[in-house]
Amino acid sequence: MDYSLPQILSSYSGAQDELIPILQAVQDELGYLPEEAMSKVADFCRVPASKVFGIASFYAQFRFLPLGRTQITICRGTACHVRGAPEILSEVKRQLGVEEGQTTPDLEYSLETVACIGCCALAPCLTVNGRVESSMTSKKVKQLFAREEEDAS
């Protein structure tokens, strides 16, 4: 592993009630929870690996795959939905070649949806690393990814 798990664990005693804070610290360091790290956390807390995996999979805050450098979040709230969010999501999937909850193989993009981003008057919306893109259309999605590619080079 390319990080210091022993350094993270040194802040804890290994008590079972520390499992969630330990997993949060590991994810803060790595951006996700690799299987090897969860196994080492299980050993440290003297619990079965299945318990650590069960806790990590129960809470939506934990990720098992790394996030891309660019996080695309599609709003699927009511205002966005009725104004075309399903089509926007389909176009983003086409552009990236991934499904919701996935990351591109080059780790450049991650795609997710959320119940609402709170910009209903600007619907349909998506965010790019937290920056709101409003009044989206399929054409605007294509332009957005062309712009993202230009910015990356």
C-alpha atoms as a PDB file:
ATOM      1  CA  MET A   1       0.000   0.000   0.000  1.00  0.00           C
ATOM      2  CA  ASP A   2       1.207   3.474  -0.822  1.00  0.00           C
ATOM      3  CA  TYR A   3       0.088   5.088   2.417  1.00  0.00           C
ATOM      4  CA  SER A   4       0.785   4.696   6.068  1.00  0.00           C
ATOM      5  CA  LEU A   5      -2.005   2.596   7.536  1.00  0.00           C
ATOM      6  CA  PRO A   6       0.070   2.077  10.704  1.00  0.00           C
ATOM      7  CA  GLN A   7       0.202   5.857  11.104  1.00  0.00           C
ATOM      8  CA  ILE A   8      -3.594   6.091  10.792  1.00  0.00           C
ATOM      9  CA  LEU A   9      -4.133   3.234  13.238  1.00  0.00           C
ATOM     10  CA  SER A  10      -1.682   4.699  15.757  1.00  0.00           C
ATOM     11  CA  SER A  11      -4.348   7.273  16.672  1.00  0.00           C
ATOM     12  CA  TYR A  12      -6.703   4.516  17.844  1.00  0.00           C
ATOM     13  CA  SER A  13      -6.734   1.828  20.519  1.00  0.00           C
ATOM     14  CA  GLY A  14      -8.358  -0.862  18.349  1.00  0.00           C
ATOM     15  CA  ALA A  15     -11.682  -0.881  20.189  1.00  0.00           C
ATOM     16  CA  GLN A  16     -14.667  -2.097  18.175  1.00  0.00           C
ATOM     17  CA  ASP A  17     -16.504   1.181  18.694  1.00  0.00           C
ATOM     18  CA  GLU A  18     -13.701   2.888  16.740  1.00  0.00           C
ATOM     19  CA  LEU A  19     -14.434   0.979  13.518  1.00  0.00           C
ATOM     20  CA  ILE A  20     -16.389   3.759  11.823  1.00  0.00           C
ATOM     21  CA  PRO A  21     -13.928   6.556  12.718  1.00  0.00           C
ATOM     22  CA  ILE A  22     -11.030   4.351  11.569  1.00  0.00           C
ATOM     23  CA  LEU A  23     -12.761   3.613   8.258  1.00  0.00           C
ATOM     24  CA  GLN A  24     -13.485   7.327   7.844  1.00  0.00           C
ATOM     25  CA  ALA A  25      -9.815   8.148   8.452  1.00  0.00           C
ATOM     26  CA  VAL A  26      -8.663   5.528   5.948  1.00  0.00           C
ATOM     27  CA  GLN A  27     -11.099   6.823   3.351  1.00  0.00           C
ATOM     28  CA  ASP A  28     -10.036  10.427   4.042  1.00  0.00           C
ATOM     29  CA  GLU A  29      -6.454   9.378   3.354  1.00  0.00           C
ATOM     30  CA  LEU A  30      -7.091   7.209   0.278  1.00  0.00           C
ATOM     31  CA  GLY A  31     -10.364   8.488  -1.093  1.00  0.00           C
ATOM     32  CA  TYR A  32     -11.902   5.003  -0.807  1.00  0.00           C
ATOM     33  CA  LEU A  33     -11.648   1.756   1.188  1.00  0.00           C
ATOM     34  CA  PRO A  34      -9.500  -0.874  -0.513  1.00  0.00           C
ATOM     35  CA  GLU A  35     -10.073  -4.475   0.535  1.00  0.00           C
ATOM     36  CA  GLU A  36      -6.542  -4.841   1.926  1.00  0.00           C
ATOM     37  CA  ALA A  37      -6.996  -1.828   4.211  1.00  0.00           C
ATOM     38  CA  MET A  38     -10.320  -3.123   5.534  1.00  0.00           C
ATOM     39  CA  SER A  39      -8.726  -6.488   6.299  1.00  0.00           C
ATOM     40  CA  LYS A  40      -5.954  -4.769   8.251  1.00  0.00           C
ATOM     41  CA  VAL A  41      -8.514  -2.680  10.144  1.00  0.00           C
ATOM     42  CA  ALA A  42     -10.340  -5.905  11.046  1.00  0.00           C
ATOM     43  CA  ASP A  43      -7.104  -7.404  12.402  1.00  0.00           C
ATOM     44  CA  PHE A  44      -6.353  -4.203  14.340  1.00  0.00           C
ATOM     45  CA  CYS A  45      -9.810  -4.145  15.945  1.00  0.00           C
ATOM     46  CA  ARG A  46      -9.795  -7.911  16.484  1.00  0.00           C
ATOM     47  CA  VAL A  47     -13.060  -8.462  14.617  1.00  0.00           C
ATOM     48  CA  PRO A  48     -13.888 -10.634  11.615  1.00  0.00           C
ATOM     49  CA  ALA A  49     -13.277  -8.996   8.247  1.00  0.00           C
ATOM     50  CA  SER A  50     -16.948  -9.649   7.474  1.00  0.00           C
ATOM     51  CA  LYS A  51     -17.936  -7.230  10.249  1.00  0.00           C
ATOM     52  CA  VAL A  52     -15.774  -4.457   8.796  1.00  0.00           C
ATOM     53  CA  PHE A  53     -17.082  -5.113   5.285  1.00  0.00           C
ATOM     54  CA  GLY A  54     -20.652  -5.208   6.648  1.00  0.00           C
ATOM     55  CA  ILE A  55     -20.275  -1.849   8.364  1.00  0.00           C
ATOM     56  CA  ALA A  56     -18.583  -0.254   5.368  1.00  0.00           C
ATOM     57  CA  SER A  57     -21.227  -1.518   2.953  1.00  0.00           C
ATOM     58  CA  PHE A  58     -24.099  -0.444   5.219  1.00  0.00           C
ATOM     59  CA  TYR A  59     -23.178   3.256   5.283  1.00  0.00           C
ATOM     60  CA  ALA A  60     -23.504   5.235   2.048  1.00  0.00           C
ATOM     61  CA  GLN A  61     -20.545   7.430   3.030  1.00  0.00           C
ATOM     62  CA  PHE A  62     -18.044   4.660   2.283  1.00  0.00           C
ATOM     63  CA  ARG A  63     -16.731   3.897  -1.196  1.00  0.00           C
ATOM     64  CA  PHE A  64     -15.002   0.726  -2.369  1.00  0.00           C
ATOM     65  CA  LEU A  65     -13.669   2.192  -5.602  1.00  0.00           C
ATOM     66  CA  PRO A  66     -11.511   5.269  -6.097  1.00  0.00           C
ATOM     67  CA  LEU A  67     -13.202   8.440  -7.271  1.00  0.00           C
ATOM     68  CA  GLY A  68     -12.174  10.127 -10.478  1.00  0.00           C
ATOM     69  CA  ARG A  69     -10.351  13.447 -10.493  1.00  0.00           C
ATOM     70  CA  THR A  70     -13.530  15.024 -11.895  1.00  0.00           C
ATOM     71  CA  GLN A  71     -16.768  14.216 -10.103  1.00  0.00           C
ATOM     72  CA  ILE A  72     -19.957  14.596 -12.128  1.00  0.00           C
ATOM     73  CA  THR A  73     -23.160  14.665 -10.082  1.00  0.00           C
ATOM     74  CA  ILE A  74     -26.540  14.654 -11.790  1.00  0.00           C
ATOM     75  CA  CYS A  75     -29.536  16.030  -9.913  1.00  0.00           C
ATOM     76  CA  ARG A  76     -32.563  13.747 -10.090  1.00  0.00           C
ATOM     77  CA  GLY A  77     -34.877  15.933  -8.019  1.00  0.00           C
ATOM     78  CA  THR A  78     -38.421  16.604  -9.206  1.00  0.00           C
ATOM     79  CA  ALA A  79     -37.714  19.901 -10.976  1.00  0.00           C
ATOM     80  CA  CYS A  80     -34.685  18.464 -12.767  1.00  0.00           C
ATOM     81  CA  HIS A  81     -36.506  15.237 -13.573  1.00  0.00           C
ATOM     82  CA  VAL A  82     -39.473  16.915 -15.252  1.00  0.00           C
ATOM     83  CA  ARG A  83     -37.139  19.225 -17.190  1.00  0.00           C
ATOM     84  CA  GLY A  84     -35.025  16.443 -18.659  1.00  0.00           C
ATOM     85  CA  ALA A  85     -32.573  15.041 -16.107  1.00  0.00           C
ATOM     86  CA  PRO A  86     -33.032  11.444 -17.355  1.00  0.00           C
ATOM     87  CA  GLU A  87     -31.877  12.519 -20.827  1.00  0.00           C
ATOM     88  CA  ILE A  88     -28.979  14.472 -19.322  1.00  0.00           C
ATOM     89  CA  LEU A  89     -27.926  11.402 -17.340  1.00  0.00           C
ATOM     90  CA  SER A  90     -28.127   9.247 -20.478  1.00  0.00           C
ATOM     91  CA  GLU A  91     -25.939  11.679 -22.408  1.00  0.00           C
ATOM     92  CA  VAL A  92     -23.352  11.879 -19.621  1.00  0.00           C
ATOM     93  CA  LYS A  93     -23.248   8.064 -19.515  1.00  0.00           C
ATOM     94  CA  ARG A  94     -22.681   8.043 -23.291  1.00  0.00           C
ATOM     95  CA  GLN A  95     -19.945  10.650 -23.055  1.00  0.00           C
ATOM     96  CA  LEU A  96     -18.104   8.863 -20.223  1.00  0.00           C
ATOM     97  CA  GLY A  97     -18.863   5.252 -21.100  1.00  0.00           C
ATOM     98  CA  VAL A  98     -19.745   4.449 -17.476  1.00  0.00           C
ATOM     99  CA  GLU A  99     -22.881   3.856 -15.459  1.00  0.00           C
ATOM    100  CA  GLU A 100     -24.069   5.734 -12.388  1.00  0.00           C
ATOM    101  CA  GLY A 101     -21.778   5.008  -9.432  1.00  0.00           C
ATOM    102  CA  GLN A 102     -18.801   4.148 -11.643  1.00  0.00           C
ATOM    103  CA  THR A 103     -15.462   5.742 -12.440  1.00  0.00           C
ATOM    104  CA  THR A 104     -13.809   5.788 -15.837  1.00  0.00           C
ATOM    105  CA  PRO A 105     -10.877   3.359 -16.180  1.00  0.00           C
ATOM    106  CA  ASP A 106      -8.412   6.264 -16.441  1.00  0.00           C
ATOM    107  CA  LEU A 107      -9.743   7.604 -13.082  1.00  0.00           C
ATOM    108  CA  GLU A 108     -10.581  10.918 -14.753  1.00  0.00           C
ATOM    109  CA  TYR A 109     -14.365  10.944 -14.116  1.00  0.00           C
ATOM    110  CA  SER A 110     -16.805   9.566 -11.550  1.00  0.00           C
ATOM    111  CA  LEU A 111     -20.552   9.682 -12.147  1.00  0.00           C
ATOM    112  CA  GLU A 112     -23.212   9.774  -9.470  1.00  0.00           C
ATOM    113  CA  THR A 113     -26.726  11.058  -8.953  1.00  0.00           C
ATOM    114  CA  VAL A 114     -28.239  12.801  -5.946  1.00  0.00           C
ATOM    115  CA  ALA A 115     -31.803  13.437  -4.854  1.00  0.00           C
ATOM    116  CA  CYS A 116     -31.429  17.230  -5.132  1.00  0.00           C
ATOM    117  CA  ILE A 117     -28.633  19.787  -5.373  1.00  0.00           C
ATOM    118  CA  GLY A 118     -30.887  22.682  -4.360  1.00  0.00           C
ATOM    119  CA  CYS A 119     -30.883  24.622  -7.635  1.00  0.00           C
ATOM    120  CA  CYS A 120     -34.432  23.855  -8.714  1.00  0.00           C
ATOM    121  CA  ALA A 121     -34.964  27.179 -10.498  1.00  0.00           C
ATOM    122  CA  LEU A 122     -31.970  26.357 -12.733  1.00  0.00           C
ATOM    123  CA  ALA A 123     -33.142  22.830 -13.630  1.00  0.00           C
ATOM    124  CA  PRO A 124     -31.998  20.538 -15.004  1.00  0.00           C
ATOM    125  CA  CYS A 125     -28.627  20.754 -13.284  1.00  0.00           C
ATOM    126  CA  LEU A 126     -25.473  18.815 -12.716  1.00  0.00           C
ATOM    127  CA  THR A 127     -22.287  19.629 -10.865  1.00  0.00           C
ATOM    128  CA  VAL A 128     -18.691  19.232 -11.945  1.00  0.00           C
ATOM    129  CA  ASN A 129     -16.488  19.044  -8.842  1.00  0.00           C
ATOM    130  CA  GLY A 130     -19.157  21.053  -7.005  1.00  0.00           C
ATOM    131  CA  ARG A 131     -19.555  23.734  -9.717  1.00  0.00           C
ATOM    132  CA  VAL A 132     -23.204  23.959 -10.818  1.00  0.00           C
ATOM    133  CA  GLU A 133     -23.996  23.679 -14.519  1.00  0.00           C
ATOM    134  CA  SER A 134     -27.586  24.795 -15.099  1.00  0.00           C
ATOM    135  CA  SER A 135     -30.309  24.533 -17.738  1.00  0.00           C
ATOM    136  CA  MET A 136     -28.583  21.486 -19.159  1.00  0.00           C
ATOM    137  CA  THR A 137     -29.411  19.906 -22.500  1.00  0.00           C
ATOM    138  CA  SER A 138     -27.770  17.014 -24.339  1.00  0.00           C
ATOM    139  CA  LYS A 139     -25.977  19.584 -26.512  1.00  0.00           C
ATOM    140  CA  LYS A 140     -24.679  21.406 -23.418  1.00  0.00           C
ATOM    141  CA  VAL A 141     -23.425  18.086 -22.003  1.00  0.00           C
ATOM    142  CA  LYS A 142     -21.395  17.494 -25.180  1.00  0.00           C
ATOM    143  CA  GLN A 143     -20.031  21.058 -24.993  1.00  0.00           C
ATOM    144  CA  LEU A 144     -19.230  20.613 -21.299  1.00  0.00           C
ATOM    145  CA  PHE A 145     -17.101  17.549 -21.948  1.00  0.00           C
ATOM    146  CA  ALA A 146     -15.387  19.231 -24.889  1.00  0.00           C
ATOM    147  CA  ARG A 147     -14.560  22.145 -22.531  1.00  0.00           C
ATOM    148  CA  GLU A 148     -13.387  19.765 -19.773  1.00  0.00           C
ATOM    149  CA  GLU A 149     -11.037  18.091 -22.258  1.00  0.00           C
ATOM    150  CA  GLU A 150      -9.649  21.497 -23.320  1.00  0.00           C
ATOM    151  CA  ASP A 151      -9.126  22.509 -19.680  1.00  0.00           C
ATOM    152  CA  ALA A 152      -7.278  19.243 -18.970  1.00  0.00           C
ATOM    153  CA  SER A 153      -4.761  19.790 -21.764  1.00  0.00           C
END
